[in-house]
């Protein structure tokens, strides 16, 4: 676990009946508005820092604890952003998955004390990106959510290159894939994997992203 996370103001459970009126449905069902439409959900998308390499197990742990602790009303889903890279190996077409943000999860939740503590008490979870001791984290912008959900699992062609055309510290621009058009600095060359680690500004903060050599060019 990392430093203490912000403690937001508690929020009432979604869908509670108006004061003084008896509930017409079980508490877990959203209370309809006067015109019969369900109330707007308070769930928003956030980014959570987790231990790299444990994204899948942490996702499973959080989802299991949500069920056990009865927090389904505050919880939507967790996504490990990935893309599928299609390559030719030995004359055969091979598809592999690659995490877009190693060490990060996208979570759809109603941010409150109970959700905060659930994440804090889950092994391997760091903090909500952008939050501090006295401030709740900002939710992801709508265009960021649409970008990630719209391209989740997208297939992109892969081309093997023997040597990179850039060095550490070089400024590069992503020319293909999920991050096309974004610029950043080369932090590390992973020649054994044919990848380059570039630091891009995502979610309002620097995030290291691993890309194929062919996906970037000098800016």
Protein backbone atom coordinates (compact mmCIF):
# COMPACT_ATOMS: atom_id res chain seq x y z
CA UNK A 1 0.00 0.00 0.00
CA UNK A 2 1.13 3.55 -0.66
CA UNK A 3 0.55 6.77 1.28
CA UNK A 4 -2.84 7.46 2.77
CA UNK A 5 -5.51 8.30 0.23
CA UNK A 6 -8.04 11.14 0.37
CA UNK A 7 -11.18 10.61 2.40
CA UNK A 8 -14.15 11.96 0.42
CA UNK A 9 -17.41 13.01 1.92
CA UNK A 10 -19.74 10.07 2.36
CA UNK A 11 -22.52 9.84 -0.18
CA UNK A 12 -25.95 8.28 0.37
CA UNK A 13 -26.64 4.99 -1.39
CA UNK A 14 -27.95 5.43 -4.89
CA UNK A 15 -31.68 5.16 -5.37
CA UNK A 16 -32.86 5.73 -1.75
CA UNK A 17 -36.57 6.74 -1.33
CA UNK A 18 -37.50 10.37 -0.53
CA UNK A 19 -37.66 11.19 3.21
CA UNK A 20 -40.91 10.05 4.75
CA UNK A 21 -42.00 7.86 1.85
CA UNK A 22 -41.94 4.09 2.28
CA UNK A 23 -39.84 2.27 -0.32
CA UNK A 24 -41.88 0.63 -3.08
CA UNK A 25 -38.96 -1.61 -4.12
CA UNK A 26 -36.10 -3.39 -2.35
CA UNK A 27 -33.25 -0.99 -1.42
CA UNK A 28 -31.04 -2.47 -4.16
CA UNK A 29 -33.45 -1.31 -6.91
CA UNK A 30 -33.13 2.28 -8.17
CA UNK A 31 -36.04 4.54 -7.16
CA UNK A 32 -37.77 5.87 -10.31
CA UNK A 33 -38.33 9.57 -10.81
CA UNK A 34 -41.82 11.07 -11.21
CA UNK A 35 -41.89 10.31 -14.94
CA UNK A 36 -40.89 6.69 -14.29
CA UNK A 37 -37.28 7.02 -15.52
CA UNK A 38 -34.51 5.69 -13.24
CA UNK A 39 -32.34 8.19 -11.40
CA UNK A 40 -29.03 9.14 -12.93
CA UNK A 41 -26.15 6.99 -11.73
CA UNK A 42 -23.44 8.64 -9.64
CA UNK A 43 -20.81 6.23 -10.95
CA UNK A 44 -17.85 7.78 -12.74
CA UNK A 45 -14.64 6.40 -14.22
CA UNK A 46 -11.39 6.74 -12.27
CA UNK A 47 -7.84 5.48 -12.72
CA UNK A 48 -6.23 3.44 -9.94
CA UNK A 49 -2.52 2.71 -9.57
CA UNK A 50 -1.81 -0.94 -8.79
CA UNK A 51 1.17 -3.26 -8.64
CA UNK A 52 2.39 -3.93 -12.16
CA UNK A 53 2.03 -7.53 -13.25
CA UNK A 54 -0.85 -8.17 -10.84
CA UNK A 55 -3.59 -6.31 -12.67
CA UNK A 56 -5.73 -9.42 -13.29
CA UNK A 57 -5.53 -10.81 -9.75
CA UNK A 58 -6.22 -7.39 -8.21
CA UNK A 59 -9.24 -6.95 -10.49
CA UNK A 60 -10.57 -10.34 -9.36
CA UNK A 61 -9.97 -9.50 -5.69
CA UNK A 62 -11.82 -6.19 -5.89
CA UNK A 63 -14.78 -7.73 -7.71
CA UNK A 64 -14.97 -10.55 -5.16
CA UNK A 65 -14.89 -8.16 -2.19
CA UNK A 66 -17.59 -5.97 -3.75
CA UNK A 67 -19.90 -9.00 -3.75
CA UNK A 68 -18.96 -10.08 -0.23
CA UNK A 69 -19.39 -6.61 1.26
CA UNK A 70 -22.60 -5.85 -0.63
CA UNK A 71 -21.29 -2.77 -2.46
CA UNK A 72 -22.82 -3.58 -5.85
CA UNK A 73 -24.83 -0.33 -5.79
CA UNK A 74 -21.59 1.70 -5.82
CA UNK A 75 -19.68 -0.46 -8.27
CA UNK A 76 -19.82 -0.70 -12.04
CA UNK A 77 -16.86 -2.47 -13.62
CA UNK A 78 -13.08 -2.66 -13.80
CA UNK A 79 -11.17 -2.65 -17.08
CA UNK A 80 -7.56 -3.53 -17.79
CA UNK A 81 -6.98 -1.51 -20.99
CA UNK A 82 -5.42 -3.71 -23.67
CA UNK A 83 -4.88 -3.81 -27.40
CA UNK A 84 -4.27 -6.81 -29.62
CA UNK A 85 -1.14 -6.81 -31.77
CA UNK A 86 -1.20 -8.94 -34.93
CA UNK A 87 2.23 -10.12 -36.10
CA UNK A 88 3.72 -12.56 -38.57
CA UNK A 89 6.00 -15.11 -36.92
CA UNK A 90 7.51 -17.95 -38.90
CA UNK A 91 5.08 -17.27 -41.71
CA UNK A 92 2.09 -17.54 -39.38
CA UNK A 93 -0.29 -14.83 -38.24
CA UNK A 94 -0.07 -14.47 -34.44
CA UNK A 95 -2.24 -12.26 -32.21
CA UNK A 96 -1.11 -11.26 -28.74
CA UNK A 97 -2.59 -8.98 -26.10
CA UNK A 98 -0.64 -6.08 -24.65
CA UNK A 99 -1.57 -3.91 -21.68
CA UNK A 100 -1.84 -0.26 -22.59
CA UNK A 101 -1.08 0.97 -19.06
CA UNK A 102 0.93 -1.57 -17.03
CA UNK A 103 0.23 -0.87 -13.37
CA UNK A 104 -3.09 0.93 -13.88
CA UNK A 105 -6.77 -0.03 -13.82
CA UNK A 106 -9.83 1.86 -15.04
CA UNK A 107 -12.64 1.56 -12.49
CA UNK A 108 -16.27 2.66 -12.70
CA UNK A 109 -17.49 3.43 -9.18
CA UNK A 110 -19.44 5.87 -7.06
CA UNK A 111 -16.50 7.31 -5.12
CA UNK A 112 -17.27 7.33 -1.40
CA UNK A 113 -15.79 6.17 1.91
CA UNK A 114 -16.85 2.54 1.53
CA UNK A 115 -15.42 2.20 -1.98
CA UNK A 116 -12.24 4.02 -0.97
CA UNK A 117 -11.62 1.69 1.97
CA UNK A 118 -12.37 -1.39 -0.12
CA UNK A 119 -9.63 -0.44 -2.56
CA UNK A 120 -7.23 0.64 0.17
CA UNK A 121 -7.58 -2.69 1.93
CA UNK A 122 -7.02 -4.76 -1.22
CA UNK A 123 -3.47 -6.08 -1.55
CA UNK A 124 -1.51 -4.53 -4.41
CA UNK A 125 -3.64 -1.40 -4.77
CA UNK A 126 -1.90 1.96 -4.64
CA UNK A 127 -4.06 5.05 -4.94
CA UNK A 128 -6.64 6.78 -7.11
CA UNK A 129 -4.76 8.84 -9.68
CA UNK A 130 -4.99 12.58 -9.05
CA UNK A 131 -6.20 12.29 -5.45
CA UNK A 132 -4.42 13.61 -2.38
CA UNK A 133 -4.82 13.55 1.38
CA UNK A 134 -7.40 16.33 1.37
CA UNK A 135 -8.87 16.07 -2.11
CA UNK A 136 -10.88 13.37 -3.85
CA UNK A 137 -9.49 12.23 -7.23
CA UNK A 138 -10.98 13.78 -10.36
CA UNK A 139 -12.96 11.39 -12.56
CA UNK A 140 -11.73 10.71 -16.07
CA UNK A 141 -12.85 13.16 -18.73
CA UNK A 142 -15.60 11.91 -21.02
CA UNK A 143 -13.33 11.93 -24.07
CA UNK A 144 -10.76 9.79 -22.21
CA UNK A 145 -13.41 7.25 -21.27
CA UNK A 146 -14.76 7.12 -24.82
CA UNK A 147 -11.25 6.72 -26.22
CA UNK A 148 -10.37 3.83 -23.93
CA UNK A 149 -13.69 1.99 -24.16
CA UNK A 150 -13.96 2.50 -27.90
CA UNK A 151 -10.52 1.06 -28.61
CA UNK A 152 -10.47 -1.62 -25.92
CA UNK A 153 -9.14 -4.82 -27.49
CA UNK A 154 -8.60 -3.17 -30.86
CA UNK A 155 -6.38 -5.09 -33.27
CA UNK A 156 -3.41 -3.29 -34.80
CA UNK A 157 -0.82 -4.65 -37.24
CA UNK A 158 2.63 -5.39 -35.92
CA UNK A 159 5.92 -5.13 -37.77
CA UNK A 160 9.19 -6.42 -36.35
CA UNK A 161 12.22 -4.13 -36.44
CA UNK A 162 15.72 -5.23 -35.53
CA UNK A 163 16.97 -1.94 -34.09
CA UNK A 164 15.21 1.20 -32.88
CA UNK A 165 15.80 4.51 -34.65
CA UNK A 166 15.90 6.54 -31.46
CA UNK A 167 17.62 6.71 -28.07
CA UNK A 168 16.72 7.52 -24.50
CA UNK A 169 15.67 11.12 -24.04
CA UNK A 170 14.45 11.54 -27.63
CA UNK A 171 11.12 13.24 -28.19
CA UNK A 172 8.84 11.02 -30.25
CA UNK A 173 5.32 11.08 -31.64
CA UNK A 174 3.00 8.09 -31.69
CA UNK A 175 1.87 7.54 -35.28
CA UNK A 176 -0.40 4.52 -34.89
CA UNK A 177 -2.47 2.68 -32.31
CA UNK A 178 -4.49 3.87 -29.33
CA UNK A 179 -2.18 6.80 -28.56
CA UNK A 180 -1.82 8.09 -32.13
CA UNK A 181 -1.00 11.80 -32.22
CA UNK A 182 0.41 11.99 -28.70
CA UNK A 183 4.01 13.00 -28.00
CA UNK A 184 6.39 11.97 -25.25
CA UNK A 185 9.94 11.17 -24.22
CA UNK A 186 11.73 7.86 -24.71
CA UNK A 187 12.56 6.46 -21.27
CA UNK A 188 13.80 2.97 -22.10
CA UNK A 189 14.51 0.69 -25.06
CA UNK A 190 13.32 -2.90 -24.60
CA UNK A 191 15.22 -4.37 -27.52
CA UNK A 192 14.63 -8.00 -26.50
CA UNK A 193 10.88 -7.40 -26.92
CA UNK A 194 11.10 -4.95 -29.79
CA UNK A 195 9.44 -2.32 -27.62
CA UNK A 196 10.17 1.22 -26.52
CA UNK A 197 8.90 2.72 -23.26
CA UNK A 198 7.63 6.26 -23.81
CA UNK A 199 6.37 8.62 -21.13
CA UNK A 200 3.09 10.19 -22.26
CA UNK A 201 0.83 12.60 -20.40
CA UNK A 202 -2.39 10.67 -19.77
CA UNK A 203 -5.06 11.30 -17.15
CA UNK A 204 -3.25 14.57 -16.43
CA UNK A 205 -0.03 12.94 -15.29
CA UNK A 206 3.04 11.21 -16.81
CA UNK A 207 2.35 7.55 -17.61
CA UNK A 208 4.93 5.12 -19.09
CA UNK A 209 3.58 3.26 -22.11
CA UNK A 210 5.24 0.42 -24.02
CA UNK A 211 5.00 0.70 -27.80
CA UNK A 212 6.29 -1.18 -30.83
CA UNK A 213 9.22 0.47 -32.63
CA UNK A 214 7.10 1.05 -35.72
CA UNK A 215 4.42 2.90 -33.75
CA UNK A 216 6.60 5.92 -32.97
CA UNK A 217 8.69 8.42 -34.91
CA UNK A 218 10.83 11.42 -34.05
CA UNK A 219 8.68 14.48 -33.33
